Amino acid sequence: MARYTGPVCRLCRREGMKLYLKGEKCVTKCTFEKRSSPPGMHQQRRRKVSDFALQLREKQKARRIYGVLEKQMKNTFDKATEKRGATGEVLLELLEARLDNVVYRSGFAKSRSQARQLVNHGHFSVNTRRTTIPSYTVKANDTITVMPSSRESQYFKDVLAWAKTQTRPAWLEVDPESFTARIATDPAREQIETQVDTQLIVEHYSR
């Protein structure tokens, strides 16, 4: 299954909330605020929403926020079931610990899709080792660094000002000037502000 390449504002409208998929444009120029109704010609038709539909929508919301494909989401869920703790919370913690998400949270990218592209192109290292896998799971005390050869590029010179203004979760320590981010602790559910009902996602995959 290929990644969605259509208008991302349509995805926000479908989920009924801003997913911040376009980075800075979601703050300065957001079409969702002008038109928040679901897409489609039958959007005004009232119908009873089934339990399955609620579960599916919550799973799709989480997928779209983190930019993962269905197979990736299912694999992450399977990993969560093997770990100790509430499966839904562990699932969200694993999604939050993806390298592309950490790059985004650090402020070195303005959206997760941009972060994924930067990682794919080899602009980041984890513990001094170049890593090109966006789904790589970081752990406590890992250090993510912009490659020295990339720091002189115009993109990273421009993004430095953006990185300095971003707020970050408590589990992440960032020094924009040195282009480094350190995982202080593994992400915990109470430190993740992503607005999804993880119980509905668990119910969806447990059918």
N, C-alpha and C. Protein backbone atom coordinates (compact mmCIF):
# COMPACT_ATOMS: atom_id res chain seq x y z
N MET A 1 0.84 -1.20 0.00
CA MET A 1 0.00 0.00 0.00
C MET A 1 0.88 1.25 0.00
N ALA A 2 0.64 2.16 -0.94
CA ALA A 2 1.44 3.37 -1.06
C ALA A 2 0.97 4.42 -0.07
N ARG A 3 1.85 5.39 0.19
CA ARG A 3 1.48 6.48 1.09
C ARG A 3 0.50 7.42 0.41
N TYR A 4 -0.32 8.05 1.23
CA TYR A 4 -1.29 9.02 0.73
C TYR A 4 -0.55 10.25 0.23
N THR A 5 -0.88 10.70 -1.00
CA THR A 5 -0.20 11.85 -1.58
C THR A 5 -1.17 12.97 -1.94
N GLY A 6 -2.43 12.85 -1.50
CA GLY A 6 -3.42 13.88 -1.81
C GLY A 6 -3.36 15.04 -0.83
N PRO A 7 -4.37 15.91 -0.85
CA PRO A 7 -4.40 17.07 0.05
C PRO A 7 -4.49 16.62 1.52
N VAL A 8 -3.52 17.01 2.33
CA VAL A 8 -3.49 16.55 3.72
C VAL A 8 -4.58 17.23 4.57
N CYS A 9 -5.03 18.41 4.15
CA CYS A 9 -6.10 19.07 4.90
C CYS A 9 -7.38 18.22 4.86
N ARG A 10 -7.51 17.45 3.83
CA ARG A 10 -8.65 16.55 3.70
C ARG A 10 -8.64 15.51 4.82
N LEU A 11 -7.44 15.08 5.22
CA LEU A 11 -7.32 14.11 6.30
C LEU A 11 -7.74 14.73 7.63
N CYS A 12 -7.38 15.98 7.85
CA CYS A 12 -7.79 16.67 9.08
C CYS A 12 -9.32 16.77 9.13
N ARG A 13 -9.92 17.11 8.00
CA ARG A 13 -11.37 17.23 7.94
C ARG A 13 -12.02 15.87 8.21
N ARG A 14 -11.43 14.81 7.69
CA ARG A 14 -12.00 13.47 7.89
C ARG A 14 -11.97 13.06 9.35
N GLU A 15 -10.90 13.44 10.06
CA GLU A 15 -10.78 13.06 11.47
C GLU A 15 -11.41 14.09 12.41
N GLY A 16 -11.83 15.23 11.86
CA GLY A 16 -12.50 16.24 12.67
C GLY A 16 -11.60 17.00 13.62
N MET A 17 -10.31 17.07 13.33
CA MET A 17 -9.37 17.80 14.19
C MET A 17 -8.10 18.12 13.40
N LYS A 18 -7.38 19.13 13.85
CA LYS A 18 -6.12 19.48 13.21
C LYS A 18 -5.07 18.45 13.57
N LEU A 19 -4.46 17.85 12.56
CA LEU A 19 -3.44 16.83 12.77
C LEU A 19 -2.03 17.40 12.61
N TYR A 20 -1.93 18.66 12.20
CA TYR A 20 -0.64 19.34 12.02
C TYR A 20 0.28 18.54 11.09
N LEU A 21 -0.24 18.24 9.91
CA LEU A 21 0.51 17.45 8.94
C LEU A 21 1.36 18.30 8.00
N LYS A 22 1.13 19.63 7.99
CA LYS A 22 1.88 20.51 7.08
C LYS A 22 2.85 21.43 7.83
N GLY A 23 3.07 21.14 9.11
CA GLY A 23 4.04 21.92 9.85
C GLY A 23 3.64 23.36 10.05
N GLU A 24 4.50 24.28 9.64
CA GLU A 24 4.29 25.71 9.86
C GLU A 24 3.02 26.22 9.19
N LYS A 25 2.65 25.66 8.05
CA LYS A 25 1.45 26.11 7.35
C LYS A 25 0.19 25.84 8.17
N CYS A 26 0.23 24.81 9.03
CA CYS A 26 -0.94 24.51 9.87
C CYS A 26 -1.17 25.62 10.90
N VAL A 27 -0.14 26.42 11.14
CA VAL A 27 -0.25 27.53 12.09
C VAL A 27 -0.58 28.83 11.37
N THR A 28 0.06 29.05 10.23
CA THR A 28 -0.09 30.33 9.54
C THR A 28 -1.19 30.34 8.48
N LYS A 29 -1.49 29.18 7.90
CA LYS A 29 -2.45 29.14 6.81
C LYS A 29 -3.19 27.81 6.85
N CYS A 30 -4.21 27.73 7.72
CA CYS A 30 -4.92 26.47 7.93
C CYS A 30 -6.31 26.54 7.30
N THR A 31 -6.56 25.67 6.32
CA THR A 31 -7.88 25.64 5.68
C THR A 31 -8.90 24.90 6.53
N PHE A 32 -8.44 24.06 7.46
CA PHE A 32 -9.37 23.32 8.32
C PHE A 32 -10.22 24.26 9.16
N GLU A 33 -9.62 25.38 9.58
CA GLU A 33 -10.35 26.33 10.41
C GLU A 33 -11.48 27.00 9.62
N LYS A 34 -11.35 27.05 8.30
CA LYS A 34 -12.39 27.65 7.47
C LYS A 34 -13.44 26.62 7.05
N ARG A 35 -13.01 25.38 6.93
CA ARG A 35 -13.92 24.33 6.48
C ARG A 35 -13.57 23.03 7.20
N SER A 36 -14.28 22.74 8.28
CA SER A 36 -13.95 21.59 9.10
C SER A 36 -14.90 20.41 8.89
N SER A 37 -15.87 20.55 7.99
CA SER A 37 -16.81 19.46 7.75
C SER A 37 -16.12 18.30 7.05
N PRO A 38 -16.56 17.07 7.27
CA PRO A 38 -15.93 15.91 6.62
C PRO A 38 -16.02 16.00 5.10
N PRO A 39 -15.05 15.46 4.37
CA PRO A 39 -15.09 15.49 2.91
C PRO A 39 -16.16 14.55 2.37
N GLY A 40 -16.60 14.80 1.15
CA GLY A 40 -17.58 13.93 0.52
C GLY A 40 -18.93 14.60 0.35
N MET A 41 -19.67 14.20 -0.66
CA MET A 41 -20.95 14.84 -0.97
C MET A 41 -22.07 14.44 -0.01
N HIS A 42 -21.86 13.35 0.77
CA HIS A 42 -22.90 12.90 1.68
C HIS A 42 -22.55 13.22 3.14
N GLN A 43 -21.73 14.23 3.33
CA GLN A 43 -21.24 14.53 4.66
C GLN A 43 -22.33 14.96 5.64
N GLN A 44 -23.43 15.52 5.12
CA GLN A 44 -24.47 16.03 6.02
C GLN A 44 -25.46 14.95 6.44
N ARG A 45 -25.38 13.78 5.82
CA ARG A 45 -26.33 12.72 6.15
C ARG A 45 -26.06 12.18 7.56
N ARG A 46 -27.08 12.13 8.36
CA ARG A 46 -26.91 11.61 9.72
C ARG A 46 -27.08 10.10 9.71
N ARG A 47 -26.21 9.44 10.38
CA ARG A 47 -26.31 8.00 10.47
C ARG A 47 -25.72 7.54 11.80
N LYS A 48 -26.18 6.40 12.25
CA LYS A 48 -25.68 5.86 13.50
C LYS A 48 -24.26 5.34 13.29
N VAL A 49 -23.37 5.70 14.20
CA VAL A 49 -21.98 5.29 14.08
C VAL A 49 -21.78 4.01 14.88
N SER A 50 -21.30 2.97 14.22
CA SER A 50 -21.10 1.68 14.89
C SER A 50 -19.83 1.70 15.73
N ASP A 51 -19.70 0.71 16.61
CA ASP A 51 -18.49 0.58 17.43
C ASP A 51 -17.27 0.36 16.54
N PHE A 52 -17.44 -0.43 15.49
CA PHE A 52 -16.32 -0.68 14.58
C PHE A 52 -15.86 0.62 13.93
N ALA A 53 -16.81 1.46 13.52
CA ALA A 53 -16.45 2.73 12.87
C ALA A 53 -15.68 3.63 13.83
N LEU A 54 -16.09 3.67 15.09
CA LEU A 54 -15.39 4.48 16.09
C LEU A 54 -13.95 3.97 16.28
N GLN A 55 -13.82 2.66 16.36
CA GLN A 55 -12.50 2.07 16.55
C GLN A 55 -11.61 2.32 15.33
N LEU A 56 -12.19 2.17 14.14
CA LEU A 56 -11.43 2.40 12.91
C LEU A 56 -10.96 3.84 12.80
N ARG A 57 -11.84 4.77 13.10
CA ARG A 57 -11.48 6.19 13.00
C ARG A 57 -10.35 6.53 13.96
N GLU A 58 -10.38 5.97 15.15
CA GLU A 58 -9.32 6.28 16.13
C GLU A 58 -7.98 5.70 15.67
N LYS A 59 -8.03 4.50 15.10
CA LYS A 59 -6.80 3.90 14.58
C LYS A 59 -6.26 4.70 13.40
N GLN A 60 -7.14 5.12 12.51
CA GLN A 60 -6.73 5.92 11.36
C GLN A 60 -6.16 7.26 11.80
N LYS A 61 -6.74 7.84 12.83
CA LYS A 61 -6.24 9.12 13.34
C LYS A 61 -4.79 8.98 13.81
N ALA A 62 -4.53 7.92 14.59
CA ALA A 62 -3.17 7.70 15.10
C ALA A 62 -2.21 7.44 13.95
N ARG A 63 -2.64 6.66 12.96
CA ARG A 63 -1.80 6.38 11.80
C ARG A 63 -1.42 7.66 11.07
N ARG A 64 -2.40 8.52 10.89
CA ARG A 64 -2.16 9.75 10.12
C ARG A 64 -1.31 10.74 10.91
N ILE A 65 -1.50 10.81 12.20
CA ILE A 65 -0.68 11.71 13.02
C ILE A 65 0.80 11.33 12.91
N TYR A 66 1.08 10.03 13.04
CA TYR A 66 2.47 9.57 13.05
C TYR A 66 2.99 9.20 11.65
N GLY A 67 2.12 9.24 10.65
CA GLY A 67 2.55 9.00 9.28
C GLY A 67 3.02 7.58 9.01
N VAL A 68 2.32 6.59 9.56
CA VAL A 68 2.72 5.20 9.35
C VAL A 68 1.69 4.48 8.49
N LEU A 69 2.15 3.47 7.77
CA LEU A 69 1.26 2.65 6.95
C LEU A 69 0.55 1.63 7.83
N GLU A 70 -0.48 1.00 7.29
CA GLU A 70 -1.25 0.04 8.07
C GLU A 70 -0.38 -1.13 8.55
N LYS A 71 0.48 -1.64 7.69
CA LYS A 71 1.34 -2.75 8.09
C LYS A 71 2.28 -2.33 9.23
N GLN A 72 2.82 -1.12 9.14
CA GLN A 72 3.69 -0.62 10.20
C GLN A 72 2.92 -0.48 11.52
N MET A 73 1.69 0.02 11.42
CA MET A 73 0.86 0.19 12.61
C MET A 73 0.57 -1.16 13.26
N LYS A 74 0.20 -2.15 12.44
CA LYS A 74 -0.09 -3.48 12.98
C LYS A 74 1.15 -4.11 13.60
N ASN A 75 2.30 -3.95 12.97
CA ASN A 75 3.54 -4.50 13.53
C ASN A 75 3.87 -3.84 14.86
N THR A 76 3.64 -2.53 14.95
CA THR A 76 3.89 -1.82 16.21
C THR A 76 2.93 -2.30 17.29
N PHE A 77 1.69 -2.54 16.92
CA PHE A 77 0.71 -3.06 17.88
C PHE A 77 1.14 -4.44 18.38
N ASP A 78 1.61 -5.29 17.47
CA ASP A 78 2.06 -6.63 17.87
C ASP A 78 3.23 -6.54 18.85
N LYS A 79 4.14 -5.60 18.62
CA LYS A 79 5.26 -5.40 19.55
C LYS A 79 4.74 -4.93 20.91
N ALA A 80 3.73 -4.07 20.89
CA ALA A 80 3.18 -3.54 22.15
C ALA A 80 2.54 -4.65 22.97
N THR A 81 1.92 -5.61 22.31
CA THR A 81 1.27 -6.71 23.04
C THR A 81 2.29 -7.60 23.74
N GLU A 82 3.52 -7.59 23.26
CA GLU A 82 4.56 -8.44 23.84
C GLU A 82 5.26 -7.77 25.03
N LYS A 83 5.03 -6.49 25.21
CA LYS A 83 5.68 -5.76 26.29
C LYS A 83 4.79 -5.66 27.52
N ARG A 84 5.38 -5.38 28.64
CA ARG A 84 4.63 -5.24 29.88
C ARG A 84 3.94 -3.88 29.91
N GLY A 85 2.76 -3.85 30.50
CA GLY A 85 2.00 -2.60 30.59
C GLY A 85 0.76 -2.65 29.73
N ALA A 86 -0.04 -1.59 29.84
CA ALA A 86 -1.27 -1.49 29.05
C ALA A 86 -0.90 -1.40 27.57
N THR A 87 -1.46 -2.26 26.77
CA THR A 87 -1.08 -2.35 25.35
C THR A 87 -1.26 -1.03 24.62
N GLY A 88 -2.39 -0.34 24.85
CA GLY A 88 -2.64 0.92 24.16
C GLY A 88 -1.61 1.98 24.51
N GLU A 89 -1.24 2.06 25.76
CA GLU A 89 -0.24 3.05 26.18
C GLU A 89 1.13 2.71 25.62
N VAL A 90 1.48 1.43 25.64
CA VAL A 90 2.77 1.00 25.09
C VAL A 90 2.82 1.28 23.59
N LEU A 91 1.70 1.06 22.90
CA LEU A 91 1.63 1.34 21.46
C LEU A 91 1.97 2.80 21.18
N LEU A 92 1.37 3.70 21.93
CA LEU A 92 1.61 5.13 21.72
C LEU A 92 3.05 5.49 22.06
N GLU A 93 3.59 4.87 23.09
CA GLU A 93 4.98 5.13 23.47
C GLU A 93 5.95 4.67 22.39
N LEU A 94 5.64 3.53 21.75
CA LEU A 94 6.49 3.04 20.66
C LEU A 94 6.42 3.96 19.44
N LEU A 95 5.23 4.46 19.14
CA LEU A 95 5.08 5.39 18.02
C LEU A 95 5.84 6.69 18.31
N GLU A 96 5.79 7.13 19.55
CA GLU A 96 6.47 8.37 19.93
C GLU A 96 7.98 8.21 19.87
N ALA A 97 8.47 6.98 20.06
CA ALA A 97 9.91 6.72 20.09
C ALA A 97 10.51 6.48 18.71
N ARG A 98 9.71 6.62 17.65
CA ARG A 98 10.24 6.50 16.29
C ARG A 98 11.22 7.64 16.02
N LEU A 99 12.27 7.36 15.28
CA LEU A 99 13.29 8.38 15.00
C LEU A 99 12.71 9.58 14.27
N ASP A 100 11.83 9.36 13.29
CA ASP A 100 11.27 10.51 12.57
C ASP A 100 10.44 11.39 13.49
N ASN A 101 9.75 10.79 14.46
CA ASN A 101 8.98 11.59 15.42
C ASN A 101 9.90 12.38 16.33
N VAL A 102 11.01 11.78 16.74
CA VAL A 102 11.97 12.48 17.61
C VAL A 102 12.57 13.68 16.89
N VAL A 103 12.90 13.49 15.62
CA VAL A 103 13.43 14.61 14.83
C VAL A 103 12.40 15.74 14.76
N TYR A 104 11.14 15.38 14.56
CA TYR A 104 10.07 16.38 14.53
C TYR A 104 9.89 17.05 15.89
N ARG A 105 9.84 16.26 16.94
CA ARG A 105 9.69 16.82 18.29
C ARG A 105 10.86 17.72 18.67
N SER A 106 12.04 17.42 18.13
CA SER A 106 13.23 18.21 18.45
C SER A 106 13.20 19.59 17.80
N GLY A 107 12.38 19.74 16.77
CA GLY A 107 12.31 21.02 16.06
C GLY A 107 13.20 21.09 14.84
N PHE A 108 13.87 19.98 14.48
CA PHE A 108 14.74 19.98 13.32
C PHE A 108 13.96 19.70 12.03
N ALA A 109 12.67 19.49 12.15
CA ALA A 109 11.77 19.36 11.01
C ALA A 109 10.44 19.97 11.42
N LYS A 110 9.70 20.51 10.46
CA LYS A 110 8.46 21.20 10.78
C LYS A 110 7.23 20.29 10.68
N SER A 111 7.43 19.07 10.21
CA SER A 111 6.36 18.09 10.16
C SER A 111 6.99 16.71 10.21
N ARG A 112 6.20 15.71 10.53
CA ARG A 112 6.74 14.35 10.58
C ARG A 112 7.11 13.85 9.19
N SER A 113 6.36 14.24 8.18
CA SER A 113 6.69 13.81 6.82
C SER A 113 8.03 14.41 6.39
N GLN A 114 8.28 15.65 6.77
CA GLN A 114 9.57 16.26 6.46
C GLN A 114 10.69 15.57 7.23
N ALA A 115 10.41 15.24 8.49
CA ALA A 115 11.40 14.54 9.32
C ALA A 115 11.74 13.18 8.71
N ARG A 116 10.72 12.48 8.23
CA ARG A 116 10.94 11.17 7.62
C ARG A 116 11.84 11.29 6.39
N GLN A 117 11.62 12.33 5.60
CA GLN A 117 12.45 12.53 4.41
C GLN A 117 13.90 12.85 4.79
N LEU A 118 14.08 13.68 5.80
CA LEU A 118 15.43 14.04 6.24
C LEU A 118 16.19 12.82 6.75
N VAL A 119 15.50 11.96 7.51
CA VAL A 119 16.15 10.74 8.00
C VAL A 119 16.49 9.82 6.83
N ASN A 120 15.57 9.66 5.90
CA ASN A 120 15.82 8.82 4.72
C ASN A 120 17.04 9.27 3.95
N HIS A 121 17.27 10.57 3.91
CA HIS A 121 18.39 11.12 3.15
C HIS A 121 19.70 11.14 3.93
N GLY A 122 19.68 10.57 5.14
CA GLY A 122 20.92 10.39 5.89
C GLY A 122 21.45 11.62 6.59
N HIS A 123 20.56 12.53 7.01
CA HIS A 123 21.02 13.75 7.67
C HIS A 123 21.20 13.61 9.19
N PHE A 124 20.86 12.43 9.75
CA PHE A 124 20.93 12.27 11.20
C PHE A 124 21.70 11.01 11.60
N SER A 125 22.31 11.10 12.76
CA SER A 125 22.99 9.93 13.34
C SER A 125 22.40 9.66 14.72
N VAL A 126 22.43 8.40 15.11
CA VAL A 126 22.02 7.99 16.46
C VAL A 126 23.25 7.41 17.14
N ASN A 127 23.68 8.08 18.19
CA ASN A 127 24.90 7.65 18.90
C ASN A 127 26.08 7.56 17.94
N THR A 128 26.24 8.62 17.14
CA THR A 128 27.34 8.83 16.18
C THR A 128 27.25 7.91 14.95
N ARG A 129 26.22 7.10 14.84
CA ARG A 129 26.09 6.21 13.68
C ARG A 129 24.97 6.70 12.78
N ARG A 130 25.30 6.98 11.52
CA ARG A 130 24.30 7.46 10.57
C ARG A 130 23.15 6.46 10.48
N THR A 131 21.91 6.98 10.61
CA THR A 131 20.73 6.12 10.57
C THR A 131 19.75 6.67 9.54
N THR A 132 19.31 5.80 8.64
CA THR A 132 18.42 6.23 7.56
C THR A 132 17.06 5.52 7.63
N ILE A 133 16.73 4.99 8.80
CA ILE A 133 15.47 4.26 8.98
C ILE A 133 14.54 5.10 9.86
N PRO A 134 13.52 5.72 9.29
CA PRO A 134 12.61 6.58 10.07
C PRO A 134 11.93 5.85 11.22
N SER A 135 11.68 4.54 11.07
CA SER A 135 10.97 3.78 12.10
C SER A 135 11.90 3.27 13.20
N TYR A 136 13.18 3.60 13.13
CA TYR A 136 14.14 3.18 14.15
C TYR A 136 13.65 3.64 15.53
N THR A 137 13.66 2.73 16.50
CA THR A 137 13.17 3.04 17.84
C THR A 137 14.32 3.52 18.72
N VAL A 138 14.23 4.75 19.18
CA VAL A 138 15.25 5.30 20.07
C VAL A 138 14.97 4.85 21.50
N LYS A 139 16.00 4.89 22.32
CA LYS A 139 15.89 4.47 23.72
C LYS A 139 16.47 5.54 24.62
N ALA A 140 16.22 5.41 25.90
CA ALA A 140 16.75 6.36 26.89
C ALA A 140 18.27 6.47 26.75
N ASN A 141 18.76 7.70 26.80
CA ASN A 141 20.19 8.04 26.73
C ASN A 141 20.75 8.02 25.30
N ASP A 142 19.92 7.70 24.31
CA ASP A 142 20.37 7.83 22.93
C ASP A 142 20.54 9.30 22.58
N THR A 143 21.49 9.60 21.72
CA THR A 143 21.74 10.96 21.27
C THR A 143 21.55 11.04 19.76
N ILE A 144 20.68 11.93 19.33
CA ILE A 144 20.42 12.13 17.90
C ILE A 144 21.11 13.42 17.48
N THR A 145 21.89 13.35 16.42
CA THR A 145 22.69 14.50 15.99
C THR A 145 22.56 14.72 14.49
N VAL A 146 22.48 15.97 14.10
CA VAL A 146 22.53 16.30 12.67
C VAL A 146 23.95 16.05 12.19
N MET A 147 24.09 15.35 11.08
CA MET A 147 25.41 15.03 10.55
C MET A 147 26.19 16.32 10.28
N PRO A 148 27.49 16.34 10.64
CA PRO A 148 28.30 17.55 10.42
C PRO A 148 28.26 18.04 8.98
N SER A 149 28.21 17.12 8.02
CA SER A 149 28.19 17.52 6.62
C SER A 149 26.87 18.18 6.23
N SER A 150 25.82 17.97 7.03
CA SER A 150 24.51 18.53 6.72
C SER A 150 24.28 19.90 7.36
N ARG A 151 25.02 20.21 8.39
CA ARG A 151 24.77 21.44 9.14
C ARG A 151 25.00 22.70 8.33
N GLU A 152 25.84 22.61 7.31
CA GLU A 152 26.15 23.79 6.50
C GLU A 152 25.12 24.01 5.40
N SER A 153 24.17 23.09 5.26
CA SER A 153 23.15 23.25 4.22
C SER A 153 22.22 24.41 4.59
N GLN A 154 21.62 25.03 3.60
CA GLN A 154 20.75 26.17 3.84
C GLN A 154 19.53 25.76 4.67
N TYR A 155 19.05 24.54 4.47
CA TYR A 155 17.88 24.09 5.23
C TYR A 155 18.15 24.15 6.72
N PHE A 156 19.25 23.56 7.18
CA PHE A 156 19.51 23.51 8.62
C PHE A 156 19.89 24.88 9.18
N LYS A 157 20.44 25.73 8.35
CA LYS A 157 20.69 27.10 8.81
C LYS A 157 19.37 27.82 9.06
N ASP A 158 18.40 27.57 8.18
CA ASP A 158 17.10 28.22 8.32
C ASP A 158 16.26 27.62 9.44
N VAL A 159 16.35 26.29 9.64
CA VAL A 159 15.50 25.62 10.62
C VAL A 159 15.98 25.86 12.05
N LEU A 160 17.19 26.37 12.21
CA LEU A 160 17.73 26.60 13.55
C LEU A 160 16.85 27.57 14.34
N ALA A 161 16.39 28.63 13.71
CA ALA A 161 15.53 29.60 14.39
C ALA A 161 14.21 28.95 14.80
N TRP A 162 13.67 28.10 13.94
CA TRP A 162 12.43 27.38 14.26
C TRP A 162 12.63 26.46 15.46
N ALA A 163 13.74 25.74 15.47
CA ALA A 163 14.02 24.78 16.54
C ALA A 163 14.12 25.47 17.90
N LYS A 164 14.63 26.69 17.90
CA LYS A 164 14.80 27.41 19.16
C LYS A 164 13.46 27.84 19.78
N THR A 165 12.42 27.92 18.97
CA THR A 165 11.13 28.41 19.47
C THR A 165 10.17 27.28 19.88
N GLN A 166 10.54 26.04 19.61
CA GLN A 166 9.61 24.93 19.83
C GLN A 166 9.62 24.44 21.29
N THR A 167 8.42 24.09 21.76
CA THR A 167 8.31 23.45 23.07
C THR A 167 8.46 21.94 22.87
N ARG A 168 9.03 21.27 23.85
CA ARG A 168 9.33 19.86 23.70
C ARG A 168 8.85 19.05 24.90
N PRO A 169 8.58 17.77 24.70
CA PRO A 169 8.14 16.93 25.82
C PRO A 169 9.25 16.75 26.84
N ALA A 170 8.87 16.38 28.05
CA ALA A 170 9.83 16.28 29.15
C ALA A 170 10.87 15.19 28.93
N TRP A 171 10.56 14.20 28.09
CA TRP A 171 11.50 13.10 27.90
C TRP A 171 12.61 13.43 26.91
N LEU A 172 12.56 14.63 26.33
CA LEU A 172 13.51 15.00 25.28
C LEU A 172 14.29 16.26 25.66
N GLU A 173 15.62 16.19 25.56
CA GLU A 173 16.49 17.34 25.81
C GLU A 173 17.16 17.73 24.49
N VAL A 174 17.04 19.01 24.14
CA VAL A 174 17.54 19.46 22.83
C VAL A 174 18.45 20.67 22.99
N ASP A 175 19.56 20.65 22.27
CA ASP A 175 20.46 21.80 22.19
C ASP A 175 20.52 22.22 20.72
N PRO A 176 19.67 23.17 20.31
CA PRO A 176 19.61 23.54 18.89
C PRO A 176 20.95 24.02 18.35
N GLU A 177 21.71 24.74 19.15
CA GLU A 177 22.97 25.31 18.67
C GLU A 177 23.97 24.23 18.24
N SER A 178 23.94 23.09 18.94
CA SER A 178 24.86 22.00 18.59
C SER A 178 24.17 20.93 17.74
N PHE A 179 22.91 21.19 17.37
CA PHE A 179 22.14 20.27 16.53
C PHE A 179 22.06 18.87 17.14
N THR A 180 21.83 18.80 18.43
CA THR A 180 21.74 17.51 19.10
C THR A 180 20.46 17.41 19.93
N ALA A 181 19.99 16.18 20.08
CA ALA A 181 18.85 15.89 20.94
C ALA A 181 19.17 14.62 21.71
N ARG A 182 18.81 14.62 22.98
CA ARG A 182 19.09 13.45 23.82
C ARG A 182 17.79 12.92 24.42
N ILE A 183 17.64 11.61 24.39
CA ILE A 183 16.46 10.98 24.97
C ILE A 183 16.72 10.85 26.47
N ALA A 184 16.14 11.73 27.27
CA ALA A 184 16.38 11.71 28.72
C ALA A 184 15.77 10.46 29.35
N THR A 185 14.55 10.13 28.97
CA THR A 185 13.88 8.92 29.44
C THR A 185 13.03 8.38 28.29
N ASP A 186 12.64 7.13 28.38
CA ASP A 186 11.72 6.59 27.38
C ASP A 186 10.39 7.34 27.50
N PRO A 187 9.73 7.66 26.38
CA PRO A 187 8.45 8.37 26.44
C PRO A 187 7.42 7.62 27.28
N ALA A 188 6.70 8.34 28.13
CA ALA A 188 5.64 7.76 28.95
C ALA A 188 4.32 8.37 28.50
N ARG A 189 3.23 7.62 28.66
CA ARG A 189 1.92 8.06 28.15
C ARG A 189 1.54 9.43 28.67
N GLU A 190 1.81 9.71 29.94
CA GLU A 190 1.41 11.00 30.50
C GLU A 190 2.22 12.17 29.94
N GLN A 191 3.31 11.86 29.23
CA GLN A 191 4.13 12.91 28.62
C GLN A 191 3.80 13.11 27.14
N ILE A 192 2.86 12.33 26.62
CA ILE A 192 2.51 12.38 25.21
C ILE A 192 1.15 13.05 25.05
N GLU A 193 1.12 14.18 24.35
CA GLU A 193 -0.11 14.96 24.24
C GLU A 193 -0.99 14.55 23.07
N THR A 194 -0.57 13.54 22.29
CA THR A 194 -1.36 13.09 21.15
C THR A 194 -2.76 12.68 21.61
N GLN A 195 -3.76 13.28 20.97
CA GLN A 195 -5.15 13.08 21.39
C GLN A 195 -5.79 11.90 20.66
N VAL A 196 -5.52 10.71 21.16
CA VAL A 196 -6.15 9.50 20.62
C VAL A 196 -6.60 8.62 21.79
N ASP A 197 -7.69 7.90 21.57
CA ASP A 197 -8.19 6.96 22.56
C ASP A 197 -7.56 5.61 22.26
N THR A 198 -6.51 5.28 22.98
CA THR A 198 -5.76 4.05 22.69
C THR A 198 -6.60 2.80 22.94
N GLN A 199 -7.57 2.87 23.84
CA GLN A 199 -8.40 1.70 24.11
C GLN A 199 -9.20 1.29 22.87
N LEU A 200 -9.68 2.27 22.12
CA LEU A 200 -10.42 1.97 20.89
C LEU A 200 -9.52 1.30 19.85
N ILE A 201 -8.25 1.72 19.81
CA ILE A 201 -7.31 1.11 18.87
C ILE A 201 -7.05 -0.35 19.26
N VAL A 202 -6.90 -0.60 20.55
CA VAL A 202 -6.71 -1.97 21.03
C VAL A 202 -7.92 -2.83 20.68
N GLU A 203 -9.09 -2.28 20.87
CA GLU A 203 -10.32 -3.02 20.54
C GLU A 203 -10.39 -3.32 19.05
N HIS A 204 -9.94 -2.39 18.23
CA HIS A 204 -9.98 -2.58 16.78
C HIS A 204 -9.11 -3.76 16.37
N TYR A 205 -7.86 -3.80 16.89
CA TYR A 205 -6.94 -4.87 16.50
C TYR A 205 -7.21 -6.18 17.23
N SER A 206 -8.04 -6.15 18.24
CA SER A 206 -8.35 -7.36 19.00
C SER A 206 -9.63 -8.05 18.52
N ARG A 207 -10.21 -7.52 17.46
CA ARG A 207 -11.47 -8.11 16.96
C ARG A 207 -11.25 -9.54 16.45
